[in-house]
PDB file of all heavy atoms in Angstrom:
ATOM      1  N   PRO A   1       0.738  -1.255   0.028  1.00  0.00           N
ATOM      2  CA  PRO A   1       0.082  -0.007  -0.016  1.00  0.00           C
ATOM      3  C   PRO A   1       0.777   1.212  -0.066  1.00  0.00           C
ATOM      4  O   PRO A   1       0.280   2.388  -0.344  1.00  0.00           O
ATOM      5  CB  PRO A   1      -0.802  -0.209   1.284  1.00  0.00           C
ATOM      6  CG  PRO A   1       0.089  -0.973   2.230  1.00  0.00           C
ATOM      7  CD  PRO A   1       0.721  -2.049   1.383  1.00  0.00           C
ATOM      8  N   SER A   2       2.122   1.204   0.309  1.00  0.00           N
ATOM      9  CA  SER A   2       2.970   2.419   0.394  1.00  0.00           C
ATOM     10  C   SER A   2       3.446   2.877  -1.059  1.00  0.00           C
ATOM     11  O   SER A   2       3.998   3.972  -1.027  1.00  0.00           O
ATOM     12  CB  SER A   2       4.156   1.953   1.372  1.00  0.00           C
ATOM     13  OG  SER A   2       4.977   1.133   0.781  1.00  0.00           O
ATOM     14  N   LEU A   3       3.400   1.869  -1.952  1.00  0.00           N
ATOM     15  CA  LEU A   3       3.858   2.283  -3.276  1.00  0.00           C
ATOM     16  C   LEU A   3       2.766   2.962  -4.125  1.00  0.00           C
ATOM     17  O   LEU A   3       1.752   2.337  -4.277  1.00  0.00           O
ATOM     18  CB  LEU A   3       4.425   1.035  -3.957  1.00  0.00           C
ATOM     19  CG  LEU A   3       5.688   0.368  -3.594  1.00  0.00           C
ATOM     20  CD1 LEU A   3       6.055  -0.866  -4.312  1.00  0.00           C
ATOM     21  CD2 LEU A   3       6.863   1.375  -3.770  1.00  0.00           C
ATOM     22  N   PRO A   4       3.041   4.128  -4.682  1.00  0.00           N
ATOM     23  CA  PRO A   4       2.127   4.631  -5.679  1.00  0.00           C
ATOM     24  C   PRO A   4       1.884   3.812  -6.810  1.00  0.00           C
ATOM     25  O   PRO A   4       2.829   3.135  -7.195  1.00  0.00           O
ATOM     26  CB  PRO A   4       2.717   6.097  -6.001  1.00  0.00           C
ATOM     27  CG  PRO A   4       3.830   6.283  -4.920  1.00  0.00           C
ATOM     28  CD  PRO A   4       4.264   4.943  -4.446  1.00  0.00           C
ATOM     29  N   GLU A   5       0.710   3.969  -7.365  1.00  0.00           N
ATOM     30  CA  GLU A   5       0.367   3.145  -8.526  1.00  0.00           C
ATOM     31  C   GLU A   5       1.328   3.350  -9.800  1.00  0.00           C
ATOM     32  O   GLU A   5       1.676   2.363 -10.480  1.00  0.00           O
ATOM     33  CB  GLU A   5      -1.127   3.455  -9.052  1.00  0.00           C
ATOM     34  CG  GLU A   5      -2.025   2.884  -8.097  1.00  0.00           C
ATOM     35  CD  GLU A   5      -2.056   1.378  -7.956  1.00  0.00           C
ATOM     36  OE1 GLU A   5      -1.870   0.606  -8.929  1.00  0.00           O
ATOM     37  OE2 GLU A   5      -2.105   0.891  -6.812  1.00  0.00           O
ATOM     38  N   LYS A   6       1.772   4.595  -9.943  1.00  0.00           N
ATOM     39  CA  LYS A   6       2.698   4.919 -11.021  1.00  0.00           C
ATOM     40  C   LYS A   6       3.971   4.126 -10.829  1.00  0.00           C
ATOM     41  O   LYS A   6       4.481   3.568 -11.787  1.00  0.00           O
ATOM     42  CB  LYS A   6       2.926   6.352 -10.947  1.00  0.00           C
ATOM     43  CG  LYS A   6       3.744   6.895 -12.220  1.00  0.00           C
ATOM     44  CD  LYS A   6       3.968   8.480 -12.078  1.00  0.00           C
ATOM     45  CE  LYS A   6       4.736   8.789 -13.393  1.00  0.00           C
ATOM     46  NZ  LYS A   6       4.978  10.318 -13.381  1.00  0.00           N
ATOM     47  N   ILE A   7       4.445   4.017  -9.657  1.00  0.00           N
ATOM     48  CA  ILE A   7       5.692   3.235  -9.387  1.00  0.00           C
ATOM     49  C   ILE A   7       5.486   1.803  -9.532  1.00  0.00           C
ATOM     50  O   ILE A   7       6.433   1.156 -10.016  1.00  0.00           O
ATOM     51  CB  ILE A   7       6.188   3.575  -7.930  1.00  0.00           C
ATOM     52  CG1 ILE A   7       6.425   5.028  -7.675  1.00  0.00           C
ATOM     53  CG2 ILE A   7       7.431   2.796  -7.699  1.00  0.00           C
ATOM     54  CD1 ILE A   7       7.603   5.586  -8.472  1.00  0.00           C
ATOM     55  N   LYS A   8       4.408   1.322  -9.137  1.00  0.00           N
ATOM     56  CA  LYS A   8       3.931  -0.115  -9.312  1.00  0.00           C
ATOM     57  C   LYS A   8       3.993  -0.461 -10.818  1.00  0.00           C
ATOM     58  O   LYS A   8       4.548  -1.556 -11.173  1.00  0.00           O
ATOM     59  CB  LYS A   8       2.590  -0.477  -8.730  1.00  0.00           C
ATOM     60  CG  LYS A   8       2.624  -0.440  -7.126  1.00  0.00           C
ATOM     61  CD  LYS A   8       1.366  -0.762  -6.676  1.00  0.00           C
ATOM     62  CE  LYS A   8       1.294  -0.833  -5.123  1.00  0.00           C
ATOM     63  NZ  LYS A   8      -0.173  -1.273  -4.630  1.00  0.00           N
ATOM     64  N   LYS A   9       3.373   0.356 -11.571  1.00  0.00           N
ATOM     65  CA  LYS A   9       3.419   0.107 -13.033  1.00  0.00           C
ATOM     66  C   LYS A   9       4.760   0.138 -13.722  1.00  0.00           C
ATOM     67  O   LYS A   9       5.160  -0.759 -14.445  1.00  0.00           O
ATOM     68  CB  LYS A   9       2.530   1.158 -13.764  1.00  0.00           C
ATOM     69  CG  LYS A   9       1.023   1.016 -13.553  1.00  0.00           C
ATOM     70  CD  LYS A   9       0.350   2.038 -14.238  1.00  0.00           C
ATOM     71  CE  LYS A   9      -1.200   1.942 -14.087  1.00  0.00           C
ATOM     72  NZ  LYS A   9      -2.054   2.950 -14.850  1.00  0.00           N
ATOM     73  N   GLN A  10       5.565   0.936 -13.144  1.00  0.00           N
ATOM     74  CA  GLN A  10       6.954   0.986 -13.694  1.00  0.00           C
ATOM     75  C   GLN A  10       7.726  -0.211 -13.203  1.00  0.00           C
ATOM     76  O   GLN A  10       8.525  -0.695 -14.133  1.00  0.00           O
ATOM     77  CB  GLN A  10       7.705   2.289 -13.071  1.00  0.00           C
ATOM     78  CG  GLN A  10       9.061   2.562 -13.616  1.00  0.00           C
ATOM     79  CD  GLN A  10       8.972   3.065 -15.064  1.00  0.00           C
ATOM     80  OE1 GLN A  10       7.912   3.698 -15.487  1.00  0.00           O
ATOM     81  NE2 GLN A  10      10.035   2.842 -15.884  1.00  0.00           N
ATOM     82  N   LEU A  11       7.574  -0.704 -12.021  1.00  0.00           N
ATOM     83  CA  LEU A  11       8.330  -1.755 -11.586  1.00  0.00           C
ATOM     84  C   LEU A  11       7.819  -3.049 -12.274  1.00  0.00           C
ATOM     85  O   LEU A  11       8.628  -4.073 -12.378  1.00  0.00           O
ATOM     86  CB  LEU A  11       8.154  -2.008 -10.053  1.00  0.00           C
ATOM     87  CG  LEU A  11       8.842  -0.903  -9.196  1.00  0.00           C
ATOM     88  CD1 LEU A  11       8.453  -1.020  -7.725  1.00  0.00           C
ATOM     89  CD2 LEU A  11      10.410  -0.976  -9.440  1.00  0.00           C
ATOM     90  N   LEU A  12       6.520  -3.179 -12.477  1.00  0.00           N
ATOM     91  CA  LEU A  12       5.971  -4.350 -13.072  1.00  0.00           C
ATOM     92  C   LEU A  12       5.838  -4.398 -14.606  1.00  0.00           C
ATOM     93  O   LEU A  12       5.275  -5.416 -15.202  1.00  0.00           O
ATOM     94  CB  LEU A  12       4.602  -4.504 -12.512  1.00  0.00           C
ATOM     95  CG  LEU A  12       4.466  -4.761 -10.973  1.00  0.00           C
ATOM     96  CD1 LEU A  12       3.071  -4.705 -10.493  1.00  0.00           C
ATOM     97  CD2 LEU A  12       5.177  -6.042 -10.569  1.00  0.00           C
ATOM     98  N   LYS A  13       6.491  -3.514 -15.298  1.00  0.00           N
ATOM     99  CA  LYS A  13       6.421  -3.532 -16.699  1.00  0.00           C
ATOM    100  C   LYS A  13       7.019  -4.865 -17.234  1.00  0.00           C
ATOM    101  O   LYS A  13       8.000  -5.338 -16.807  1.00  0.00           O
ATOM    102  CB  LYS A  13       7.233  -2.273 -17.281  1.00  0.00           C
ATOM    103  CG  LYS A  13       6.459  -1.096 -17.069  1.00  0.00           C
ATOM    104  CD  LYS A  13       7.371   0.135 -17.516  1.00  0.00           C
ATOM    105  CE  LYS A  13       7.681   0.169 -18.843  1.00  0.00           C
ATOM    106  NZ  LYS A  13       8.492   1.401 -19.254  1.00  0.00           N
ATOM    107  N   GLU A  14       6.489  -5.380 -18.382  1.00  0.00           N
ATOM    108  CA  GLU A  14       6.919  -6.543 -18.864  1.00  0.00           C
ATOM    109  C   GLU A  14       8.373  -6.416 -19.492  1.00  0.00           C
ATOM    110  O   GLU A  14       9.154  -7.404 -19.504  1.00  0.00           O
ATOM    111  CB  GLU A  14       5.979  -7.110 -20.075  1.00  0.00           C
ATOM    112  CG  GLU A  14       4.596  -7.551 -19.495  1.00  0.00           C
ATOM    113  CD  GLU A  14       3.659  -8.176 -20.554  1.00  0.00           C
ATOM    114  OE1 GLU A  14       4.294  -8.196 -21.704  1.00  0.00           O
ATOM    115  OE2 GLU A  14       2.618  -8.491 -20.204  1.00  0.00           O
ATOM    116  N   LYS A  15       8.640  -5.268 -19.959  1.00  0.00           N
ATOM    117  CA  LYS A  15       9.999  -4.969 -20.541  1.00  0.00           C
ATOM    118  C   LYS A  15      10.532  -3.785 -19.919  1.00  0.00           C
ATOM    119  O   LYS A  15       9.869  -2.836 -19.561  1.00  0.00           O
ATOM    120  CB  LYS A  15       9.965  -4.856 -21.967  1.00  0.00           C
ATOM    121  CG  LYS A  15       9.580  -6.086 -22.757  1.00  0.00           C
ATOM    122  CD  LYS A  15       9.602  -6.041 -24.251  1.00  0.00           C
ATOM    123  CE  LYS A  15       9.365  -7.239 -25.045  1.00  0.00           C
ATOM    124  NZ  LYS A  15       9.626  -7.413 -26.184  1.00  0.00           N
ATOM    125  N   ARG A  16      11.809  -3.739 -19.859  1.00  0.00           N
ATOM    126  CA  ARG A  16      12.537  -2.610 -19.271  1.00  0.00           C
ATOM    127  C   ARG A  16      13.693  -2.055 -20.057  1.00  0.00           C
ATOM    128  O   ARG A  16      14.115  -2.918 -20.966  1.00  0.00           O
ATOM    129  CB  ARG A  16      13.038  -2.736 -17.922  1.00  0.00           C
ATOM    130  CG  ARG A  16      14.035  -3.901 -17.793  1.00  0.00           C
ATOM    131  CD  ARG A  16      14.602  -4.178 -16.312  1.00  0.00           C
ATOM    132  NE  ARG A  16      15.489  -5.275 -16.289  1.00  0.00           N
ATOM    133  CZ  ARG A  16      16.826  -5.226 -16.458  1.00  0.00           C
ATOM    134  NH1 ARG A  16      17.358  -4.013 -16.831  1.00  0.00           N
ATOM    135  NH2 ARG A  16      17.548  -6.307 -16.263  1.00  0.00           N
ATOM    136  N   GLU A  17      14.083  -0.863 -20.064  1.00  0.00           N
ATOM    137  CA  GLU A  17      15.218  -0.400 -20.911  1.00  0.00           C
ATOM    138  C   GLU A  17      16.543  -0.697 -20.295  1.00  0.00           C
ATOM    139  O   GLU A  17      16.655  -0.711 -19.001  1.00  0.00           O
ATOM    140  CB  GLU A  17      15.070   1.265 -20.965  1.00  0.00           C
ATOM    141  CG  GLU A  17      13.854   1.570 -21.806  1.00  0.00           C
ATOM    142  CD  GLU A  17      13.633   3.116 -21.997  1.00  0.00           C
ATOM    143  OE1 GLU A  17      14.105   3.724 -20.929  1.00  0.00           O
ATOM    144  OE2 GLU A  17      13.296   3.625 -23.085  1.00  0.00           O
ATOM    145  N   ASP A  18      17.438  -0.906 -21.152  1.00  0.00           N
ATOM    146  CA  ASP A  18      18.833  -1.126 -20.878  1.00  0.00           C
ATOM    147  C   ASP A  18      19.733  -0.510 -21.818  1.00  0.00           C
ATOM    148  O   ASP A  18      19.343  -0.120 -22.999  1.00  0.00           O
ATOM    149  CB  ASP A  18      19.079  -2.626 -20.646  1.00  0.00           C
ATOM    150  CG  ASP A  18      20.368  -2.998 -19.939  1.00  0.00           C
ATOM    151  OD1 ASP A  18      20.947  -2.016 -19.289  1.00  0.00           O
ATOM    152  OD2 ASP A  18      20.882  -4.127 -20.019  1.00  0.00           O
ATOM    153  N   VAL A  19      21.041  -0.263 -21.349  1.00  0.00           N
ATOM    154  CA  VAL A  19      21.986   0.295 -22.349  1.00  0.00           C
ATOM    155  C   VAL A  19      22.936  -0.851 -22.845  1.00  0.00           C
ATOM    156  O   VAL A  19      23.393  -1.664 -22.125  1.00  0.00           O
ATOM    157  CB  VAL A  19      22.881   1.316 -21.646  1.00  0.00           C
ATOM    158  CG1 VAL A  19      23.910   1.869 -22.697  1.00  0.00           C
ATOM    159  CG2 VAL A  19      22.093   2.508 -21.064  1.00  0.00           C
ATOM    160  N   GLU A  20      23.023  -0.910 -24.132  1.00  0.00           N
ATOM    161  CA  GLU A  20      23.889  -1.899 -24.787  1.00  0.00           C
ATOM    162  C   GLU A  20      25.100  -1.101 -25.429  1.00  0.00           C
ATOM    163  O   GLU A  20      24.898  -0.301 -26.195  1.00  0.00           O
ATOM    164  CB  GLU A  20      23.134  -2.623 -25.854  1.00  0.00           C
ATOM    165  CG  GLU A  20      23.923  -3.780 -26.541  1.00  0.00           C
ATOM    166  CD  GLU A  20      23.118  -4.418 -27.572  1.00  0.00           C
ATOM    167  OE1 GLU A  20      22.763  -3.788 -28.714  1.00  0.00           O
ATOM    168  OE2 GLU A  20      22.578  -5.574 -27.336  1.00  0.00           O
ATOM    169  N   PHE A  21      26.327  -1.587 -25.129  1.00  0.00           N
ATOM    170  CA  PHE A  21      27.503  -1.071 -25.620  1.00  0.00           C
ATOM    171  C   PHE A  21      28.117  -2.054 -26.701  1.00  0.00           C
ATOM    172  O   PHE A  21      28.157  -3.264 -26.387  1.00  0.00           O
ATOM    173  CB  PHE A  21      28.578  -0.812 -24.572  1.00  0.00           C
ATOM    174  CG  PHE A  21      28.301   0.282 -23.674  1.00  0.00           C
ATOM    175  CD1 PHE A  21      27.480   0.066 -22.492  1.00  0.00           C
ATOM    176  CD2 PHE A  21      28.567   1.643 -23.983  1.00  0.00           C
ATOM    177  CE1 PHE A  21      27.117   1.014 -21.667  1.00  0.00           C
ATOM    178  CE2 PHE A  21      28.196   2.709 -23.051  1.00  0.00           C
ATOM    179  CZ  PHE A  21      27.480   2.438 -21.912  1.00  0.00           C
ATOM    180  N   ILE A  22      28.400  -1.612 -27.933  1.00  0.00           N
ATOM    181  CA  ILE A  22      28.990  -2.473 -28.880  1.00  0.00           C
ATOM    182  C   ILE A  22      30.492  -2.314 -28.782  1.00  0.00           C
ATOM    183  O   ILE A  22      31.161  -1.287 -28.958  1.00  0.00           O
ATOM    184  CB  ILE A  22      28.528  -2.025 -30.233  1.00  0.00           C
ATOM    185  CG1 ILE A  22      27.000  -2.051 -30.463  1.00  0.00           C
ATOM    186  CG2 ILE A  22      29.075  -3.043 -31.330  1.00  0.00           C
ATOM    187  CD1 ILE A  22      26.276  -3.306 -29.980  1.00  0.00           C
ATOM    188  N   HIS A  23      31.212  -3.558 -28.516  1.00  0.00           N
ATOM    189  CA  HIS A  23      32.640  -3.480 -28.450  1.00  0.00           C
ATOM    190  C   HIS A  23      33.168  -4.193 -29.658  1.00  0.00           C
ATOM    191  O   HIS A  23      32.671  -5.311 -30.281  1.00  0.00           O
ATOM    192  CB  HIS A  23      33.010  -4.461 -27.242  1.00  0.00           C
ATOM    193  CG  HIS A  23      32.931  -3.816 -25.984  1.00  0.00           C
ATOM    194  ND1 HIS A  23      33.864  -3.181 -25.214  1.00  0.00           N
ATOM    195  CD2 HIS A  23      31.664  -3.422 -25.359  1.00  0.00           C
ATOM    196  CE1 HIS A  23      33.387  -2.629 -24.076  1.00  0.00           C
ATOM    197  NE2 HIS A  23      32.000  -2.639 -24.180  1.00  0.00           N
ATOM    198  N   HIS A  24      34.327  -3.638 -30.194  1.00  0.00           N
ATOM    199  CA  HIS A  24      34.931  -4.095 -31.428  1.00  0.00           C
ATOM    200  C   HIS A  24      36.300  -4.918 -31.052  1.00  0.00           C
ATOM    201  O   HIS A  24      36.974  -4.456 -30.212  1.00  0.00           O
ATOM    202  CB  HIS A  24      35.310  -2.965 -32.417  1.00  0.00           C
ATOM    203  CG  HIS A  24      36.147  -3.342 -33.653  1.00  0.00           C
ATOM    204  ND1 HIS A  24      35.610  -4.144 -34.612  1.00  0.00           N
ATOM    205  CD2 HIS A  24      37.469  -3.288 -33.895  1.00  0.00           C
ATOM    206  CE1 HIS A  24      36.438  -4.361 -35.419  1.00  0.00           C
ATOM    207  NE2 HIS A  24      37.632  -3.890 -35.188  1.00  0.00           N
ATOM    208  N   THR A  25      36.357  -6.084 -31.615  1.00  0.00           N
ATOM    209  CA  THR A  25      37.682  -6.877 -31.428  1.00  0.00           C
ATOM    210  C   THR A  25      38.018  -7.346 -32.976  1.00  0.00           C
ATOM    211  O   THR A  25      37.290  -7.286 -33.777  1.00  0.00           O
ATOM    212  CB  THR A  25      37.488  -8.024 -30.512  1.00  0.00           C
ATOM    213  OG1 THR A  25      36.638  -9.039 -31.076  1.00  0.00           O
ATOM    214  CG2 THR A  25      36.872  -7.517 -29.156  1.00  0.00           C
ATOM    215  N   HIS A  26      39.183  -7.926 -33.042  1.00  0.00           N
ATOM    216  CA  HIS A  26      39.664  -8.515 -34.190  1.00  0.00           C
ATOM    217  C   HIS A  26      38.810  -9.774 -34.558  1.00  0.00           C
ATOM    218  O   HIS A  26      38.701 -10.195 -35.774  1.00  0.00           O
ATOM    219  CB  HIS A  26      41.156  -8.960 -34.100  1.00  0.00           C
ATOM    220  CG  HIS A  26      42.115  -7.742 -34.054  1.00  0.00           C
ATOM    221  ND1 HIS A  26      42.215  -6.873 -34.919  1.00  0.00           N
ATOM    222  CD2 HIS A  26      42.956  -7.417 -32.949  1.00  0.00           C
ATOM    223  CE1 HIS A  26      43.055  -5.918 -34.591  1.00  0.00           C
ATOM    224  NE2 HIS A  26      43.525  -6.289 -33.312  1.00  0.00           N
ATOM    225  N   SER A  27      38.096 -10.431 -33.609  1.00  0.00           N
ATOM    226  CA  SER A  27      37.266 -11.534 -33.875  1.00  0.00           C
ATOM    227  C   SER A  27      35.892 -11.134 -34.221  1.00  0.00           C
ATOM    228  O   SER A  27      35.039 -11.957 -34.538  1.00  0.00           O
ATOM    229  CB  SER A  27      37.279 -12.393 -32.634  1.00  0.00           C
ATOM    230  OG  SER A  27      38.661 -12.798 -32.356  1.00  0.00           O
ATOM    231  N   GLY A  28      35.537  -9.831 -34.179  1.00  0.00           N
ATOM    232  CA  GLY A  28      34.237  -9.378 -34.395  1.00  0.00           C
ATOM    233  C   GLY A  28      33.678  -8.455 -33.342  1.00  0.00           C
ATOM    234  O   GLY A  28      34.349  -8.191 -32.250  1.00  0.00           O
TER     235      GLY A  28
END
Protein backbone atom coordinates (compact mmCIF):
# COMPACT_ATOMS: atom_id res chain seq x y z
CA PRO A 1 0.00 0.00 0.00
CA SER A 2 2.97 2.36 0.42
CA LEU A 3 3.87 2.26 -3.28
CA PRO A 4 2.08 4.71 -5.62
CA GLU A 5 0.35 3.13 -8.59
CA LYS A 6 2.67 4.89 -11.00
CA ILE A 7 5.70 3.29 -9.32
CA LYS A 8 4.02 -0.12 -9.31
CA LYS A 9 3.38 0.09 -13.05
CA GLN A 10 6.98 1.04 -13.65
CA LEU A 11 8.29 -1.85 -11.57
CA LEU A 12 5.92 -4.40 -13.08
CA LYS A 13 6.44 -3.55 -16.74
CA GLU A 14 6.96 -6.61 -18.91
CA LYS A 15 9.98 -5.01 -20.52
CA ARG A 16 12.51 -2.52 -19.26
CA GLU A 17 15.14 -0.33 -20.88
CA ASP A 18 18.83 -1.12 -20.78
CA VAL A 19 22.00 0.27 -22.35
CA GLU A 20 23.91 -1.90 -24.80
CA PHE A 21 27.52 -1.08 -25.67
CA ILE A 22 29.01 -2.46 -28.90
CA HIS A 23 32.63 -3.56 -28.48
CA HIS A 24 34.98 -4.12 -31.43
CA THR A 25 37.64 -6.83 -31.50
CA HIS A 26 39.67 -8.54 -34.22
CA SER A 27 37.30 -11.49 -33.87
CA GLY A 28 34.23 -9.35 -34.45
